[in-house]
Amino acid sequence: MDWKQLPLGPLQTNCYILYDVDKAVVFDPGGDAHILERWLAEKQLKPIAIVLTHAHFDHIGAVQELREKWGISVFLHENEKGWLTDPSKNGSALFLGNEAITAAEADEWITGEEMLHIGPFEFKIYETPGHSPGSVSFYHKGTSTIFSGDVLFYGGIGRTDLPGGNHEQLIRSIHDKLLSLPEDTAVACGHGPVTTIEDEMNSNPFLNGF
């Protein structure tokens, strides 16, 4: 198994494609569906699910086009019910104005920190709220990767000034969940370069004291 990072959409949000042989799971397709579809075609991959770390507009821009093209399910945490359908909740009404982004409601709701099985792919779910109420991180042991959305970045953390954000909760999520992972775990961030748990433990200025 392997994965690919593709920055997509108005904020160049990192979409990740985890793939094995001819199947793939797509994380956070933020827009530019044609770019993602071209890459999948070049690799002869068929997506079997869309998994969302959270439902802010810059992570969902290509959701509806992809799910309709491939007939696949969308996974999202239950704490963000209504966000895909409501531009005021997903933030696109505020940031994009007349170009508001919507999608049909999720097909599958994440309700806790269970194991998630999608075809040949298996993830450990970590509830990591703080950036948003339903922020979720997905740990894939096979590639030693945590797909963390906008929770933890290279040298930074997610913003908490949007509706439902909570700085103290975000710091607890990072400390209690992500920093408990093996130090060589790759952190597949929602924006910017990939980092590791070890690097963020050692040098992230927002995590001093942990």
N, C-alpha and C. Protein backbone atom coordinates (compact mmCIF):
# COMPACT_ATOMS: atom_id res chain seq x y z
N MET A 1 0.84 -1.20 0.00
CA MET A 1 0.00 0.00 0.00
C MET A 1 0.87 1.24 0.00
N ASP A 2 0.31 2.31 -0.55
CA ASP A 2 1.02 3.58 -0.58
C ASP A 2 -0.01 4.69 -0.60
N TRP A 3 0.43 5.95 -0.48
CA TRP A 3 -0.49 7.06 -0.58
C TRP A 3 0.15 8.22 -1.32
N LYS A 4 -0.75 9.08 -1.82
CA LYS A 4 -0.35 10.23 -2.62
C LYS A 4 -1.00 11.48 -2.03
N GLN A 5 -0.23 12.57 -1.97
CA GLN A 5 -0.75 13.87 -1.55
C GLN A 5 -1.03 14.72 -2.79
N LEU A 6 -2.25 15.26 -2.89
CA LEU A 6 -2.62 16.14 -4.00
C LEU A 6 -3.26 17.40 -3.43
N PRO A 7 -2.61 18.55 -3.47
CA PRO A 7 -3.25 19.79 -3.05
C PRO A 7 -4.34 20.19 -4.05
N LEU A 8 -5.56 20.41 -3.55
CA LEU A 8 -6.70 20.69 -4.41
C LEU A 8 -7.55 21.82 -3.86
N GLY A 9 -8.30 22.46 -4.73
CA GLY A 9 -9.31 23.41 -4.31
C GLY A 9 -8.81 24.80 -4.05
N PRO A 10 -9.70 25.70 -3.59
CA PRO A 10 -9.38 27.12 -3.47
C PRO A 10 -8.27 27.42 -2.48
N LEU A 11 -8.08 26.58 -1.48
CA LEU A 11 -7.01 26.79 -0.49
C LEU A 11 -5.90 25.76 -0.64
N GLN A 12 -5.90 25.03 -1.74
CA GLN A 12 -4.89 23.98 -1.97
C GLN A 12 -4.79 23.04 -0.77
N THR A 13 -5.94 22.60 -0.33
CA THR A 13 -6.03 21.63 0.76
C THR A 13 -5.47 20.29 0.31
N ASN A 14 -4.74 19.65 1.19
CA ASN A 14 -4.15 18.35 0.85
C ASN A 14 -5.21 17.27 0.83
N CYS A 15 -5.45 16.73 -0.36
CA CYS A 15 -6.22 15.51 -0.52
C CYS A 15 -5.23 14.35 -0.51
N TYR A 16 -5.60 13.27 0.14
CA TYR A 16 -4.73 12.08 0.17
C TYR A 16 -5.47 10.90 -0.43
N ILE A 17 -4.75 10.12 -1.23
CA ILE A 17 -5.30 8.91 -1.81
C ILE A 17 -4.47 7.75 -1.31
N LEU A 18 -5.07 6.91 -0.49
CA LEU A 18 -4.42 5.68 -0.03
C LEU A 18 -4.85 4.57 -0.97
N TYR A 19 -3.87 3.85 -1.54
CA TYR A 19 -4.24 2.89 -2.57
C TYR A 19 -3.48 1.57 -2.42
N ASP A 20 -4.09 0.54 -2.96
CA ASP A 20 -3.52 -0.81 -2.95
C ASP A 20 -3.99 -1.53 -4.20
N VAL A 21 -3.08 -1.93 -5.04
CA VAL A 21 -3.37 -2.61 -6.31
C VAL A 21 -4.26 -1.69 -7.16
N ASP A 22 -5.57 -1.94 -7.20
CA ASP A 22 -6.43 -1.14 -8.07
C ASP A 22 -7.51 -0.39 -7.31
N LYS A 23 -7.45 -0.39 -5.98
CA LYS A 23 -8.47 0.27 -5.17
C LYS A 23 -7.87 1.42 -4.37
N ALA A 24 -8.73 2.40 -4.05
CA ALA A 24 -8.25 3.58 -3.33
C ALA A 24 -9.33 4.14 -2.41
N VAL A 25 -8.86 4.75 -1.32
CA VAL A 25 -9.72 5.55 -0.46
C VAL A 25 -9.24 7.00 -0.58
N VAL A 26 -10.18 7.92 -0.75
CA VAL A 26 -9.86 9.33 -0.94
C VAL A 26 -10.20 10.10 0.34
N PHE A 27 -9.20 10.82 0.88
CA PHE A 27 -9.40 11.66 2.05
C PHE A 27 -9.51 13.12 1.62
N ASP A 28 -10.56 13.79 2.05
CA ASP A 28 -10.69 15.25 1.94
C ASP A 28 -10.46 15.79 0.53
N PRO A 29 -11.31 15.43 -0.43
CA PRO A 29 -11.17 16.00 -1.78
C PRO A 29 -11.71 17.44 -1.80
N GLY A 30 -10.82 18.41 -1.71
CA GLY A 30 -11.23 19.79 -1.49
C GLY A 30 -11.71 20.54 -2.71
N GLY A 31 -11.52 19.98 -3.89
CA GLY A 31 -11.95 20.63 -5.12
C GLY A 31 -11.18 20.05 -6.30
N ASP A 32 -11.28 20.72 -7.45
CA ASP A 32 -10.53 20.31 -8.64
C ASP A 32 -10.69 18.81 -8.92
N ALA A 33 -11.92 18.37 -8.98
CA ALA A 33 -12.18 16.94 -9.17
C ALA A 33 -11.48 16.40 -10.41
N HIS A 34 -11.35 17.21 -11.44
CA HIS A 34 -10.73 16.73 -12.68
C HIS A 34 -9.26 16.35 -12.47
N ILE A 35 -8.57 17.07 -11.60
CA ILE A 35 -7.17 16.74 -11.33
C ILE A 35 -7.07 15.39 -10.63
N LEU A 36 -7.93 15.20 -9.63
CA LEU A 36 -7.94 13.92 -8.90
C LEU A 36 -8.34 12.78 -9.81
N GLU A 37 -9.36 12.99 -10.62
CA GLU A 37 -9.82 11.92 -11.52
C GLU A 37 -8.75 11.56 -12.55
N ARG A 38 -8.02 12.56 -13.04
CA ARG A 38 -6.94 12.28 -13.99
C ARG A 38 -5.84 11.45 -13.34
N TRP A 39 -5.48 11.78 -12.10
CA TRP A 39 -4.45 11.02 -11.41
C TRP A 39 -4.90 9.58 -11.17
N LEU A 40 -6.14 9.40 -10.75
CA LEU A 40 -6.67 8.05 -10.53
C LEU A 40 -6.66 7.24 -11.83
N ALA A 41 -7.03 7.89 -12.93
CA ALA A 41 -7.05 7.20 -14.22
C ALA A 41 -5.64 6.79 -14.64
N GLU A 42 -4.68 7.68 -14.43
CA GLU A 42 -3.30 7.36 -14.79
C GLU A 42 -2.78 6.16 -14.01
N LYS A 43 -3.21 6.04 -12.77
CA LYS A 43 -2.77 4.93 -11.91
C LYS A 43 -3.69 3.72 -12.01
N GLN A 44 -4.75 3.85 -12.80
CA GLN A 44 -5.74 2.77 -12.97
C GLN A 44 -6.32 2.35 -11.62
N LEU A 45 -6.74 3.35 -10.85
CA LEU A 45 -7.29 3.11 -9.53
C LEU A 45 -8.78 3.43 -9.51
N LYS A 46 -9.52 2.65 -8.75
CA LYS A 46 -10.95 2.88 -8.55
C LYS A 46 -11.18 3.26 -7.09
N PRO A 47 -11.66 4.48 -6.82
CA PRO A 47 -11.97 4.83 -5.44
C PRO A 47 -13.17 4.05 -4.92
N ILE A 48 -13.09 3.63 -3.67
CA ILE A 48 -14.19 2.86 -3.08
C ILE A 48 -14.85 3.59 -1.92
N ALA A 49 -14.31 4.75 -1.52
CA ALA A 49 -14.92 5.54 -0.46
C ALA A 49 -14.27 6.91 -0.40
N ILE A 50 -15.02 7.88 0.13
CA ILE A 50 -14.50 9.20 0.47
C ILE A 50 -14.56 9.32 1.98
N VAL A 51 -13.45 9.63 2.59
CA VAL A 51 -13.37 9.75 4.05
C VAL A 51 -13.00 11.19 4.38
N LEU A 52 -13.79 11.82 5.25
CA LEU A 52 -13.58 13.22 5.60
C LEU A 52 -13.07 13.35 7.02
N THR A 53 -11.98 14.09 7.18
CA THR A 53 -11.49 14.37 8.52
C THR A 53 -12.39 15.37 9.22
N HIS A 54 -13.04 16.23 8.44
CA HIS A 54 -14.05 17.16 8.92
C HIS A 54 -14.70 17.79 7.70
N ALA A 55 -15.69 18.65 7.93
CA ALA A 55 -16.51 19.10 6.80
C ALA A 55 -16.41 20.60 6.53
N HIS A 56 -15.24 21.19 6.76
CA HIS A 56 -15.05 22.57 6.30
C HIS A 56 -14.99 22.60 4.78
N PHE A 57 -15.40 23.74 4.22
CA PHE A 57 -15.60 23.85 2.77
C PHE A 57 -14.37 23.47 1.96
N ASP A 58 -13.18 23.77 2.47
CA ASP A 58 -11.98 23.53 1.67
C ASP A 58 -11.57 22.06 1.66
N HIS A 59 -12.31 21.22 2.38
CA HIS A 59 -12.05 19.78 2.39
C HIS A 59 -13.12 18.99 1.65
N ILE A 60 -14.17 19.66 1.17
CA ILE A 60 -15.33 18.93 0.63
C ILE A 60 -15.72 19.34 -0.79
N GLY A 61 -14.96 20.22 -1.42
CA GLY A 61 -15.38 20.80 -2.69
C GLY A 61 -15.66 19.82 -3.81
N ALA A 62 -14.97 18.68 -3.82
CA ALA A 62 -15.17 17.69 -4.90
C ALA A 62 -15.96 16.47 -4.44
N VAL A 63 -16.50 16.52 -3.24
CA VAL A 63 -17.19 15.34 -2.69
C VAL A 63 -18.34 14.90 -3.58
N GLN A 64 -19.24 15.82 -3.92
CA GLN A 64 -20.44 15.40 -4.62
C GLN A 64 -20.14 14.89 -6.02
N GLU A 65 -19.22 15.55 -6.72
CA GLU A 65 -18.88 15.11 -8.08
C GLU A 65 -18.27 13.71 -8.06
N LEU A 66 -17.39 13.47 -7.09
CA LEU A 66 -16.74 12.16 -7.02
C LEU A 66 -17.71 11.06 -6.62
N ARG A 67 -18.55 11.34 -5.62
CA ARG A 67 -19.46 10.28 -5.16
C ARG A 67 -20.46 9.92 -6.26
N GLU A 68 -20.88 10.90 -7.07
CA GLU A 68 -21.82 10.61 -8.15
C GLU A 68 -21.14 9.85 -9.29
N LYS A 69 -19.90 10.23 -9.60
CA LYS A 69 -19.19 9.56 -10.68
C LYS A 69 -18.91 8.10 -10.35
N TRP A 70 -18.53 7.83 -9.10
CA TRP A 70 -18.10 6.49 -8.73
C TRP A 70 -19.14 5.70 -7.94
N GLY A 71 -20.19 6.36 -7.49
CA GLY A 71 -21.22 5.66 -6.71
C GLY A 71 -20.70 5.15 -5.39
N ILE A 72 -19.96 5.99 -4.67
CA ILE A 72 -19.29 5.56 -3.45
C ILE A 72 -19.81 6.33 -2.23
N SER A 73 -19.57 5.77 -1.06
CA SER A 73 -20.06 6.35 0.18
C SER A 73 -19.10 7.38 0.74
N VAL A 74 -19.67 8.32 1.50
CA VAL A 74 -18.92 9.36 2.18
C VAL A 74 -19.02 9.12 3.68
N PHE A 75 -17.86 9.14 4.35
CA PHE A 75 -17.78 8.93 5.80
C PHE A 75 -17.47 10.26 6.49
N LEU A 76 -18.20 10.56 7.57
CA LEU A 76 -18.02 11.80 8.32
C LEU A 76 -18.47 11.58 9.76
N HIS A 77 -17.87 12.30 10.70
CA HIS A 77 -18.27 12.16 12.10
C HIS A 77 -19.67 12.75 12.32
N GLU A 78 -20.43 12.10 13.18
CA GLU A 78 -21.80 12.50 13.42
C GLU A 78 -21.92 13.91 14.03
N ASN A 79 -20.87 14.41 14.66
CA ASN A 79 -20.94 15.75 15.24
C ASN A 79 -20.99 16.85 14.19
N GLU A 80 -20.83 16.49 12.92
CA GLU A 80 -20.94 17.48 11.86
C GLU A 80 -22.07 17.16 10.89
N LYS A 81 -23.12 16.54 11.43
CA LYS A 81 -24.32 16.37 10.63
C LYS A 81 -24.86 17.73 10.22
N GLY A 82 -25.21 17.85 8.96
CA GLY A 82 -25.75 19.10 8.44
C GLY A 82 -24.71 20.03 7.85
N TRP A 83 -23.44 19.75 8.08
CA TRP A 83 -22.39 20.65 7.57
C TRP A 83 -22.23 20.55 6.05
N LEU A 84 -22.33 19.36 5.51
CA LEU A 84 -22.16 19.21 4.06
C LEU A 84 -23.24 19.96 3.29
N THR A 85 -24.41 20.02 3.83
CA THR A 85 -25.55 20.61 3.12
C THR A 85 -25.73 22.09 3.40
N ASP A 86 -25.03 22.63 4.38
CA ASP A 86 -25.27 23.99 4.85
C ASP A 86 -24.01 24.85 4.72
N PRO A 87 -23.97 25.79 3.76
CA PRO A 87 -22.80 26.64 3.57
C PRO A 87 -22.44 27.48 4.79
N SER A 88 -23.42 27.80 5.63
CA SER A 88 -23.12 28.59 6.82
C SER A 88 -22.38 27.77 7.86
N LYS A 89 -22.57 26.46 7.85
CA LYS A 89 -21.87 25.58 8.79
C LYS A 89 -20.50 25.16 8.26
N ASN A 90 -20.41 24.88 6.96
CA ASN A 90 -19.11 24.43 6.43
C ASN A 90 -18.18 25.59 6.11
N GLY A 91 -18.67 26.81 6.26
CA GLY A 91 -17.80 27.98 6.13
C GLY A 91 -17.74 28.60 4.75
N SER A 92 -18.31 27.94 3.75
CA SER A 92 -18.19 28.47 2.39
C SER A 92 -19.01 29.75 2.21
N ALA A 93 -20.11 29.89 2.94
CA ALA A 93 -20.89 31.12 2.85
C ALA A 93 -20.08 32.32 3.31
N LEU A 94 -19.27 32.12 4.34
CA LEU A 94 -18.46 33.20 4.89
C LEU A 94 -17.26 33.52 4.00
N PHE A 95 -16.58 32.48 3.52
CA PHE A 95 -15.32 32.69 2.83
C PHE A 95 -15.45 32.78 1.31
N LEU A 96 -16.49 32.18 0.75
CA LEU A 96 -16.62 32.15 -0.71
C LEU A 96 -17.82 32.93 -1.24
N GLY A 97 -18.69 33.37 -0.36
CA GLY A 97 -19.83 34.16 -0.78
C GLY A 97 -20.75 33.42 -1.74
N ASN A 98 -20.87 33.93 -2.97
CA ASN A 98 -21.79 33.36 -3.95
C ASN A 98 -21.34 32.00 -4.47
N GLU A 99 -20.12 31.59 -4.16
CA GLU A 99 -19.63 30.30 -4.63
C GLU A 99 -19.72 29.25 -3.51
N ALA A 100 -20.79 29.29 -2.76
CA ALA A 100 -20.98 28.38 -1.63
C ALA A 100 -20.89 26.93 -2.07
N ILE A 101 -20.32 26.11 -1.21
CA ILE A 101 -20.10 24.69 -1.50
C ILE A 101 -21.06 23.83 -0.67
N THR A 102 -21.71 22.91 -1.33
CA THR A 102 -22.58 21.96 -0.64
C THR A 102 -22.41 20.57 -1.25
N ALA A 103 -22.85 19.58 -0.49
CA ALA A 103 -22.90 18.19 -0.95
C ALA A 103 -24.04 17.52 -0.22
N ALA A 104 -24.50 16.40 -0.75
CA ALA A 104 -25.51 15.63 -0.04
C ALA A 104 -24.95 15.13 1.28
N GLU A 105 -25.82 14.82 2.20
CA GLU A 105 -25.39 14.37 3.52
C GLU A 105 -24.55 13.11 3.42
N ALA A 106 -23.73 12.88 4.43
CA ALA A 106 -22.86 11.70 4.46
C ALA A 106 -23.68 10.41 4.42
N ASP A 107 -23.06 9.37 3.92
CA ASP A 107 -23.71 8.06 3.85
C ASP A 107 -23.44 7.23 5.10
N GLU A 108 -22.26 7.42 5.68
CA GLU A 108 -21.85 6.64 6.85
C GLU A 108 -21.37 7.60 7.94
N TRP A 109 -21.89 7.38 9.16
CA TRP A 109 -21.54 8.27 10.27
C TRP A 109 -20.55 7.61 11.21
N ILE A 110 -19.50 8.32 11.52
CA ILE A 110 -18.53 7.87 12.51
C ILE A 110 -19.03 8.28 13.87
N THR A 111 -19.09 7.34 14.80
CA THR A 111 -19.70 7.61 16.10
C THR A 111 -18.76 7.39 17.28
N GLY A 112 -17.55 6.93 17.01
CA GLY A 112 -16.61 6.69 18.11
C GLY A 112 -15.26 6.27 17.58
N GLU A 113 -14.43 5.79 18.48
CA GLU A 113 -13.05 5.46 18.13
C GLU A 113 -12.88 3.98 17.82
N GLU A 114 -13.71 3.51 16.92
CA GLU A 114 -13.65 2.11 16.53
C GLU A 114 -12.64 1.92 15.40
N MET A 115 -12.48 0.68 14.97
CA MET A 115 -11.73 0.38 13.76
C MET A 115 -12.66 0.57 12.57
N LEU A 116 -12.13 1.14 11.52
CA LEU A 116 -12.89 1.36 10.30
C LEU A 116 -12.32 0.48 9.20
N HIS A 117 -13.15 -0.38 8.63
CA HIS A 117 -12.74 -1.27 7.55
C HIS A 117 -13.44 -0.86 6.26
N ILE A 118 -12.66 -0.55 5.24
CA ILE A 118 -13.20 -0.21 3.93
C ILE A 118 -12.42 -1.03 2.90
N GLY A 119 -13.04 -2.07 2.36
CA GLY A 119 -12.33 -2.95 1.43
C GLY A 119 -11.08 -3.49 2.08
N PRO A 120 -9.92 -3.37 1.41
CA PRO A 120 -8.67 -3.89 1.98
C PRO A 120 -8.02 -2.94 2.98
N PHE A 121 -8.66 -1.81 3.26
CA PHE A 121 -8.05 -0.78 4.11
C PHE A 121 -8.63 -0.84 5.52
N GLU A 122 -7.76 -0.64 6.50
CA GLU A 122 -8.17 -0.66 7.90
C GLU A 122 -7.56 0.53 8.62
N PHE A 123 -8.39 1.25 9.36
CA PHE A 123 -7.94 2.44 10.08
C PHE A 123 -8.40 2.38 11.53
N LYS A 124 -7.57 2.93 12.40
CA LYS A 124 -7.99 3.21 13.77
C LYS A 124 -8.46 4.66 13.80
N ILE A 125 -9.68 4.86 14.26
CA ILE A 125 -10.25 6.20 14.32
C ILE A 125 -9.90 6.85 15.65
N TYR A 126 -9.43 8.09 15.57
CA TYR A 126 -9.21 8.92 16.75
C TYR A 126 -10.09 10.17 16.65
N GLU A 127 -10.93 10.37 17.63
CA GLU A 127 -11.71 11.61 17.69
C GLU A 127 -10.79 12.71 18.19
N THR A 128 -10.59 13.73 17.36
CA THR A 128 -9.63 14.80 17.68
C THR A 128 -10.27 16.17 17.49
N PRO A 129 -11.33 16.48 18.25
CA PRO A 129 -12.00 17.77 18.09
C PRO A 129 -11.15 18.92 18.59
N GLY A 130 -11.58 20.12 18.25
CA GLY A 130 -10.88 21.33 18.65
C GLY A 130 -10.83 22.31 17.49
N HIS A 131 -10.37 21.82 16.33
CA HIS A 131 -10.46 22.64 15.12
C HIS A 131 -11.92 22.74 14.69
N SER A 132 -12.62 21.65 14.79
CA SER A 132 -14.06 21.60 14.55
C SER A 132 -14.62 20.49 15.44
N PRO A 133 -15.94 20.49 15.70
CA PRO A 133 -16.51 19.52 16.64
C PRO A 133 -16.37 18.07 16.22
N GLY A 134 -16.34 17.84 14.89
CA GLY A 134 -16.27 16.46 14.41
C GLY A 134 -14.95 16.10 13.78
N SER A 135 -13.90 16.82 14.09
CA SER A 135 -12.59 16.49 13.53
C SER A 135 -12.16 15.09 13.96
N VAL A 136 -11.74 14.31 12.97
CA VAL A 136 -11.34 12.92 13.20
C VAL A 136 -10.00 12.69 12.51
N SER A 137 -9.14 11.90 13.15
CA SER A 137 -7.87 11.50 12.54
C SER A 137 -7.89 10.00 12.33
N PHE A 138 -7.31 9.54 11.23
CA PHE A 138 -7.35 8.14 10.84
C PHE A 138 -5.93 7.59 10.79
N TYR A 139 -5.66 6.61 11.64
CA TYR A 139 -4.33 6.00 11.70
C TYR A 139 -4.31 4.73 10.87
N HIS A 140 -3.38 4.72 9.88
CA HIS A 140 -3.22 3.54 9.05
C HIS A 140 -1.89 2.89 9.41
N LYS A 141 -1.98 1.79 10.12
CA LYS A 141 -0.79 1.14 10.64
C LYS A 141 0.11 0.62 9.54
N GLY A 142 -0.48 0.15 8.44
CA GLY A 142 0.31 -0.44 7.37
C GLY A 142 1.32 0.51 6.75
N THR A 143 0.99 1.80 6.71
CA THR A 143 1.93 2.79 6.18
C THR A 143 2.46 3.71 7.27
N SER A 144 2.12 3.43 8.52
CA SER A 144 2.56 4.26 9.66
C SER A 144 2.23 5.73 9.42
N THR A 145 0.94 5.97 9.10
CA THR A 145 0.50 7.32 8.75
C THR A 145 -0.76 7.68 9.52
N ILE A 146 -0.82 8.92 10.01
CA ILE A 146 -2.05 9.45 10.57
C ILE A 146 -2.56 10.55 9.64
N PHE A 147 -3.75 10.36 9.10
CA PHE A 147 -4.40 11.37 8.26
C PHE A 147 -5.17 12.28 9.21
N SER A 148 -4.58 13.46 9.48
CA SER A 148 -5.02 14.26 10.62
C SER A 148 -5.84 15.49 10.25
N GLY A 149 -6.09 15.73 8.97
CA GLY A 149 -6.85 16.92 8.61
C GLY A 149 -6.19 18.18 9.12
N ASP A 150 -6.98 19.05 9.75
CA ASP A 150 -6.46 20.32 10.22
C ASP A 150 -6.21 20.34 11.72
N VAL A 151 -5.83 19.21 12.28
CA VAL A 151 -5.54 19.13 13.71
C VAL A 151 -4.10 19.55 13.99
N LEU A 152 -3.17 18.91 13.31
CA LEU A 152 -1.74 19.14 13.55
C LEU A 152 -1.04 19.37 12.22
N PHE A 153 -0.19 20.41 12.18
CA PHE A 153 0.57 20.74 10.99
C PHE A 153 2.07 20.71 11.27
N TYR A 154 2.83 20.83 10.21
CA TYR A 154 4.28 21.03 10.34
C TYR A 154 4.51 22.37 11.03
N GLY A 155 4.95 22.33 12.27
CA GLY A 155 5.22 23.54 13.02
C GLY A 155 4.00 24.32 13.46
N GLY A 156 2.82 23.73 13.37
CA GLY A 156 1.62 24.47 13.72
C GLY A 156 0.48 23.57 14.15
N ILE A 157 -0.65 24.18 14.46
CA ILE A 157 -1.87 23.46 14.81
C ILE A 157 -3.04 24.11 14.08
N GLY A 158 -4.18 23.44 14.09
CA GLY A 158 -5.35 23.98 13.42
C GLY A 158 -5.88 25.24 14.08
N ARG A 159 -6.51 26.07 13.28
CA ARG A 159 -7.12 27.29 13.83
C ARG A 159 -8.35 26.92 14.66
N THR A 160 -8.65 27.73 15.65
CA THR A 160 -9.77 27.43 16.54
C THR A 160 -10.73 28.61 16.67
N ASP A 161 -10.64 29.57 15.75
CA ASP A 161 -11.49 30.75 15.82
C ASP A 161 -12.74 30.64 14.96
N LEU A 162 -12.97 29.48 14.36
CA LEU A 162 -14.18 29.26 13.58
C LEU A 162 -15.27 28.65 14.47
N PRO A 163 -16.55 28.70 14.06
CA PRO A 163 -17.61 28.14 14.89
C PRO A 163 -17.34 26.69 15.29
N GLY A 164 -17.46 26.41 16.58
CA GLY A 164 -17.22 25.07 17.09
C GLY A 164 -15.79 24.80 17.45
N GLY A 165 -14.89 25.76 17.21
CA GLY A 165 -13.48 25.58 17.55
C GLY A 165 -13.24 25.79 19.03
N ASN A 166 -12.20 25.12 19.55
CA ASN A 166 -11.87 25.23 20.97
C ASN A 166 -10.38 24.93 21.14
N HIS A 167 -9.60 25.94 21.50
CA HIS A 167 -8.15 25.78 21.56
C HIS A 167 -7.73 24.74 22.58
N GLU A 168 -8.27 24.82 23.79
CA GLU A 168 -7.88 23.87 24.83
C GLU A 168 -8.22 22.44 24.42
N GLN A 169 -9.36 22.27 23.80
CA GLN A 169 -9.77 20.94 23.34
C GLN A 169 -8.83 20.43 22.26
N LEU A 170 -8.42 21.30 21.36
CA LEU A 170 -7.49 20.90 20.30
C LEU A 170 -6.15 20.44 20.88
N ILE A 171 -5.62 21.20 21.82
CA ILE A 171 -4.35 20.81 22.44
C ILE A 171 -4.49 19.46 23.14
N ARG A 172 -5.60 19.23 23.82
CA ARG A 172 -5.82 17.93 24.47
C ARG A 172 -5.90 16.81 23.43
N SER A 173 -6.57 17.08 22.33
CA SER A 173 -6.67 16.07 21.27
C SER A 173 -5.30 15.68 20.75
N ILE A 174 -4.47 16.68 20.49
CA ILE A 174 -3.12 16.41 19.98
C ILE A 174 -2.31 15.65 21.00
N HIS A 175 -2.33 16.12 22.23
CA HIS A 175 -1.51 15.50 23.27
C HIS A 175 -1.98 14.08 23.59
N ASP A 176 -3.28 13.91 23.81
CA ASP A 176 -3.79 12.62 24.27
C ASP A 176 -3.89 11.58 23.16
N LYS A 177 -4.11 12.02 21.94
CA LYS A 177 -4.32 11.07 20.85
C LYS A 177 -3.11 10.98 19.92
N LEU A 178 -2.76 12.07 19.28
CA LEU A 178 -1.73 12.00 18.24
C LEU A 178 -0.34 11.76 18.81
N LEU A 179 0.00 12.43 19.90
CA LEU A 179 1.35 12.27 20.45
C LEU A 179 1.55 10.91 21.13
N SER A 180 0.49 10.15 21.24
CA SER A 180 0.61 8.79 21.77
C SER A 180 1.01 7.78 20.70
N LEU A 181 1.01 8.21 19.45
CA LEU A 181 1.38 7.32 18.35
C LEU A 181 2.89 7.13 18.29
N PRO A 182 3.36 6.07 17.61
CA PRO A 182 4.81 5.90 17.45
C PRO A 182 5.44 7.14 16.85
N GLU A 183 6.63 7.49 17.32
CA GLU A 183 7.26 8.74 16.92
C GLU A 183 7.58 8.82 15.44
N ASP A 184 7.74 7.68 14.78
CA ASP A 184 8.05 7.70 13.35
C ASP A 184 6.80 7.79 12.47
N THR A 185 5.64 7.97 13.10
CA THR A 185 4.39 8.07 12.33
C THR A 185 4.40 9.32 11.47
N ALA A 186 4.09 9.16 10.18
CA ALA A 186 3.95 10.31 9.28
C ALA A 186 2.62 10.99 9.57
N VAL A 187 2.67 12.32 9.66
CA VAL A 187 1.46 13.11 9.86
C VAL A 187 1.06 13.73 8.52
N ALA A 188 0.01 13.17 7.92
CA ALA A 188 -0.49 13.65 6.64
C ALA A 188 -1.46 14.81 6.93
N CYS A 189 -0.93 16.03 6.90
CA CYS A 189 -1.65 17.23 7.32
C CYS A 189 -2.62 17.72 6.25
N GLY A 190 -3.61 18.50 6.69
CA GLY A 190 -4.56 19.07 5.76
C GLY A 190 -3.99 20.18 4.90
N HIS A 191 -2.92 20.81 5.35
CA HIS A 191 -2.27 21.88 4.60
C HIS A 191 -0.77 21.80 4.85
N GLY A 192 0.01 22.13 3.83
CA GLY A 192 1.45 22.17 4.00
C GLY A 192 2.10 20.81 3.90
N PRO A 193 3.39 20.75 4.26
CA PRO A 193 4.15 19.51 4.08
C PRO A 193 3.81 18.45 5.12
N VAL A 194 4.09 17.22 4.76
CA VAL A 194 3.96 16.10 5.69
C VAL A 194 5.05 16.23 6.75
N THR A 195 4.73 15.83 7.98
CA THR A 195 5.71 15.86 9.05
C THR A 195 5.66 14.52 9.79
N THR A 196 6.27 14.44 10.95
CA THR A 196 6.22 13.23 11.77
C THR A 196 5.86 13.60 13.20
N ILE A 197 5.37 12.63 13.93
CA ILE A 197 5.07 12.85 15.34
C ILE A 197 6.33 13.28 16.09
N GLU A 198 7.44 12.64 15.82
CA GLU A 198 8.69 12.98 16.50
C GLU A 198 9.09 14.43 16.26
N ASP A 199 9.02 14.87 15.01
CA ASP A 199 9.42 16.24 14.69
C ASP A 199 8.53 17.25 15.41
N GLU A 200 7.23 16.97 15.47
CA GLU A 200 6.33 17.93 16.12
C GLU A 200 6.49 17.91 17.64
N MET A 201 6.78 16.76 18.20
CA MET A 201 7.05 16.69 19.64
C MET A 201 8.29 17.50 19.99
N ASN A 202 9.27 17.48 19.11
CA ASN A 202 10.55 18.12 19.41
C ASN A 202 10.58 19.62 19.10
N SER A 203 9.80 20.05 18.09
CA SER A 203 10.01 21.42 17.62
C SER A 203 8.77 22.26 17.42
N ASN A 204 7.58 21.70 17.56
CA ASN A 204 6.36 22.48 17.34
C ASN A 204 6.17 23.47 18.48
N PRO A 205 6.22 24.77 18.21
CA PRO A 205 6.15 25.76 19.30
C PRO A 205 4.83 25.77 20.03
N PHE A 206 3.76 25.27 19.41
CA PHE A 206 2.47 25.23 20.07
C PHE A 206 2.34 24.07 21.05
N LEU A 207 3.29 23.17 21.02
CA LEU A 207 3.22 21.98 21.87
C LEU A 207 4.28 21.99 22.96
N ASN A 208 4.92 23.13 23.16
CA ASN A 208 5.93 23.22 24.23
C ASN A 208 5.31 22.83 25.56
N GLY A 209 6.04 22.05 26.32
CA GLY A 209 5.54 21.60 27.61
C GLY A 209 5.00 20.19 27.59
N PHE A 210 4.80 19.66 26.35
CA PHE A 210 4.32 18.28 26.25
C PHE A 210 5.50 17.39 25.96
